[in-house]
Protein backbone atom coordinates (compact mmCIF):
# COMPACT_ATOMS: atom_id res chain seq x y z
CA MET A 1 155.98 -31.84 134.55
CA GLY A 2 155.63 -35.65 134.86
CA ARG A 3 157.61 -38.14 132.98
CA PRO A 4 156.44 -38.85 129.39
CA ALA A 5 154.57 -42.08 128.97
CA LEU A 6 156.68 -45.02 127.80
CA SER A 7 156.10 -46.36 124.38
CA GLN A 8 155.72 -50.13 123.76
CA ALA A 9 158.72 -50.10 121.62
CA GLY A 10 160.74 -48.18 124.20
CA ILE A 11 159.68 -50.63 126.88
CA ALA A 12 160.62 -53.62 124.69
CA ALA A 13 163.99 -52.07 123.77
CA PHE A 14 164.88 -51.28 127.41
CA ARG A 15 163.81 -54.77 128.62
CA ALA A 16 165.84 -56.45 125.94
CA ARG A 17 168.88 -54.33 126.79
CA ALA A 18 168.46 -55.05 130.47
CA VAL A 19 168.37 -58.80 129.85
CA ALA A 20 171.46 -58.73 127.74
CA VAL A 21 173.38 -56.64 130.38
CA ALA A 22 172.21 -58.98 133.10
CA LEU A 23 173.38 -62.04 131.17
CA ASP A 24 176.77 -60.32 130.79
CA LEU A 25 176.97 -59.71 134.57
CA PHE A 26 175.88 -63.20 135.34
CA ALA A 27 178.64 -64.54 133.13
CA THR A 28 181.20 -63.38 135.76
CA GLN A 29 179.24 -63.45 139.04
CA SER A 30 176.56 -65.62 140.73
CA GLU A 31 174.33 -62.77 141.96
CA VAL A 32 173.27 -59.63 140.40
CA SER A 33 171.37 -56.75 141.99
CA LEU A 34 169.27 -54.20 140.30
CA ARG A 35 171.61 -51.55 141.52
CA GLN A 36 174.43 -53.30 139.75
CA LEU A 37 172.32 -53.68 136.63
CA ALA A 38 171.42 -50.04 136.57
CA LYS A 39 175.06 -49.00 137.03
CA ALA A 40 176.08 -51.23 134.18
CA MET A 41 173.35 -49.80 131.98
CA GLY A 42 174.27 -46.18 132.88
CA VAL A 43 170.84 -45.42 134.33
CA SER A 44 169.59 -44.42 137.82
CA PRO A 45 168.90 -47.26 140.36
CA THR A 46 165.20 -46.67 140.04
CA THR A 47 164.93 -46.81 136.32
CA PRO A 48 164.65 -50.60 135.96
CA TYR A 49 161.51 -50.49 138.10
CA ARG A 50 159.83 -48.42 135.32
CA TYR A 51 160.20 -51.41 133.06
CA PHE A 52 159.92 -54.50 135.51
CA GLU A 53 157.65 -54.77 138.31
CA SER A 54 160.24 -56.46 140.42
CA LYS A 55 163.70 -58.03 140.41
CA GLU A 56 162.01 -61.41 140.09
CA GLU A 57 160.23 -60.39 136.94
CA LEU A 58 163.55 -59.23 135.42
CA PHE A 59 165.31 -62.36 136.20
CA MET A 60 162.49 -64.52 134.96
CA ALA A 61 162.80 -62.57 131.62
CA VAL A 62 166.59 -63.42 131.74
CA ARG A 63 165.73 -67.07 132.19
CA ALA A 64 163.33 -66.99 129.29
CA THR A 65 166.07 -65.64 127.07
CA CYS A 66 168.45 -68.49 128.33
CA TYR A 67 165.78 -71.07 127.46
CA GLU A 68 165.19 -69.55 123.98
CA ARG A 69 168.96 -69.72 123.29
CA PHE A 70 169.15 -73.22 124.65
CA ALA A 71 166.33 -74.45 122.36
CA ALA A 72 167.78 -72.69 119.37
CA VAL A 73 171.19 -74.47 119.80
CA LEU A 74 169.45 -77.82 120.20
CA GLU A 75 167.41 -77.27 117.05
CA ALA A 76 170.38 -76.05 115.10
CA ARG A 77 172.50 -79.22 116.02
CA LEU A 78 169.62 -81.44 115.04
CA SER A 79 168.88 -79.57 111.85
CA VAL A 80 171.88 -81.22 109.95
CA ILE A 81 171.20 -84.82 111.14
CA ASP A 82 168.65 -87.03 109.40
CA ASP A 83 169.08 -90.40 111.14
CA PRO A 84 166.55 -90.72 114.04
CA ILE A 85 168.87 -92.43 116.44
CA ASP A 86 171.67 -90.16 115.70
CA ARG A 87 169.38 -87.24 116.47
CA VAL A 88 168.80 -88.67 119.99
CA PHE A 89 172.57 -88.98 120.61
CA GLU A 90 173.06 -85.52 119.26
CA VAL A 91 170.48 -83.85 121.32
CA ALA A 92 172.13 -85.26 124.43
CA ALA A 93 175.49 -84.15 123.30
CA ALA A 94 174.18 -80.62 122.31
CA TYR A 95 172.58 -80.29 125.84
CA HIS A 96 175.88 -81.00 127.50
CA ASP A 97 177.96 -78.82 125.06
CA HIS A 98 175.71 -75.81 125.52
CA ALA A 99 175.79 -76.10 129.26
CA CYS A 100 179.56 -76.36 129.34
CA GLU A 101 179.95 -73.39 127.05
CA HIS A 102 177.42 -71.31 128.89
CA PRO A 103 177.44 -72.40 132.54
CA ALA A 104 175.99 -69.25 133.83
CA GLU A 105 172.89 -69.67 131.54
CA PHE A 106 172.54 -73.23 132.58
CA ARG A 107 172.60 -72.33 136.31
CA LEU A 108 170.02 -69.48 135.73
CA MET A 109 167.71 -71.92 133.90
CA PHE A 110 167.83 -74.70 136.57
CA GLN A 111 168.85 -73.12 139.85
CA LEU A 112 166.76 -74.12 142.90
CA GLY A 113 164.27 -71.71 144.55
CA GLN A 114 162.67 -70.30 141.41
CA PRO A 115 159.20 -68.89 141.58
CA ASP A 116 156.15 -70.75 140.40
CA PRO A 117 156.59 -71.01 136.58
CA GLN A 118 152.94 -70.62 136.03
CA ALA A 119 153.27 -66.98 137.28
CA TYR A 120 155.67 -66.19 134.50
CA PRO A 121 154.04 -67.76 131.33
CA THR A 122 156.73 -66.45 128.93
CA ALA A 123 159.63 -68.05 130.78
CA HIS A 124 157.57 -71.20 131.33
CA ALA A 125 156.71 -71.48 127.62
CA ALA A 126 160.43 -70.91 126.72
CA GLY A 127 161.39 -73.79 129.04
CA VAL A 128 158.76 -76.12 127.66
CA ALA A 129 159.96 -75.26 124.11
CA SER A 130 163.44 -76.44 124.91
CA TRP A 131 162.03 -79.63 126.54
CA GLN A 132 160.00 -80.31 123.39
CA VAL A 133 163.18 -80.44 121.26
CA VAL A 134 164.37 -83.39 123.33
CA LEU A 135 160.91 -84.95 123.27
CA GLY A 136 160.76 -84.59 119.48
CA ALA A 137 164.10 -86.21 118.93
CA VAL A 138 162.97 -89.32 121.03
CA GLU A 139 159.61 -89.27 119.29
CA GLY A 140 161.19 -89.29 115.94
CA ALA A 141 163.26 -92.43 116.74
CA ALA A 142 160.10 -94.12 118.00
CA GLN A 143 158.08 -93.34 114.95
CA ALA A 144 160.90 -94.65 112.76
CA GLY A 145 160.48 -98.04 114.58
CA HIS A 146 163.78 -97.97 116.45
CA LEU A 147 162.20 -97.86 119.94
CA GLU A 148 159.49 -99.62 121.88
CA ALA A 149 158.85 -96.95 124.50
CA ASP A 150 156.59 -94.56 126.20
CA VAL A 151 158.12 -91.61 124.33
CA GLU A 152 157.48 -89.02 127.03
CA HIS A 153 158.82 -91.26 129.71
CA LEU A 154 162.05 -92.04 127.85
CA ALA A 155 162.45 -88.27 126.95
CA HIS A 156 162.22 -87.46 130.66
CA LEU A 157 164.75 -90.11 131.49
CA LEU A 158 167.12 -88.80 128.81
CA TRP A 159 166.64 -85.15 129.98
CA SER A 160 167.18 -86.10 133.59
CA GLY A 161 170.14 -88.28 132.99
CA VAL A 162 172.00 -85.68 130.84
CA HIS A 163 171.12 -82.91 133.22
CA GLY A 164 172.47 -84.84 136.22
CA ILE A 165 175.81 -85.57 134.44
CA VAL A 166 176.15 -81.93 133.36
CA SER A 167 175.24 -80.68 136.95
CA LEU A 168 177.96 -83.03 138.43
CA SER A 169 180.49 -81.76 135.91
CA LEU A 170 179.79 -78.13 136.42
CA SER A 171 180.14 -78.66 140.16
CA ASN A 172 183.53 -80.37 139.57
CA ARG A 173 182.30 -83.65 141.04
CA PHE A 174 183.87 -85.80 138.54
CA THR A 175 187.14 -86.49 140.35
CA VAL A 176 187.53 -90.35 140.48
CA GLY A 177 188.31 -91.21 136.87
CA GLN A 178 185.32 -90.40 134.68
CA SER A 179 184.11 -87.23 132.99
CA ALA A 180 180.91 -86.04 131.57
CA GLU A 181 182.32 -86.59 128.04
CA ASP A 182 182.96 -90.29 129.09
CA LEU A 183 179.34 -90.70 130.23
CA ILE A 184 176.89 -88.90 128.00
CA ARG A 185 176.99 -91.26 125.03
CA PRO A 186 177.05 -94.46 127.00
CA MET A 187 174.21 -93.33 129.13
CA THR A 188 172.21 -92.44 126.10
CA SER A 189 172.96 -95.77 124.47
CA ALA A 190 171.95 -97.67 127.63
CA LEU A 191 168.59 -95.87 127.69
CA LEU A 192 167.93 -96.53 124.08
CA ARG A 193 168.95 -100.24 124.39
CA ALA A 194 166.54 -100.56 127.40
CA HIS A 195 163.82 -99.21 125.26
CA GLY A 196 164.14 -101.46 122.22
CA TRP A 197 166.99 -100.07 120.22
CA THR A 198 169.34 -102.68 118.69
CA PRO A 199 172.57 -101.05 117.31
């Protein structure tokens, strides 16, 4: 007798559990195999392949979850702030804080050598959604008349600057007198001043 057909609900439940278990494993190790995942889930080594076409598909689902959590944290931090400029400073700080609190998730989202994002639209959309929180904060400050800027360009500069500082911090590269906490706000202020903001 063959295996019973998998229900959509059963597939979704297993995939969600696999992602959660994978995230727990990544929190303590840099690489995770499907064999390790299966063992942690208490299933046979071949079972994950019934729910994911490949290891790559599984790990892109993990990245999508990381991006969704990231966007939710940024949105939550901004939800209690009304001042448009304060929102820009807060989105930069929230980016830094989340990365430092969840370094494994940060590395999963941004590590090198990832597959073409267009091949995994769910993960790609989740990443875009987190970027749009940053873009929205900058756009709000511009619409309020605080900035004279190409909003998308400035948002990219802010994203890239914070990302660089966080990456250096997580790599323990700040060893000559400054820390990420010392740099995030001054960098954000410098970018805003360069684009028309007057404190």
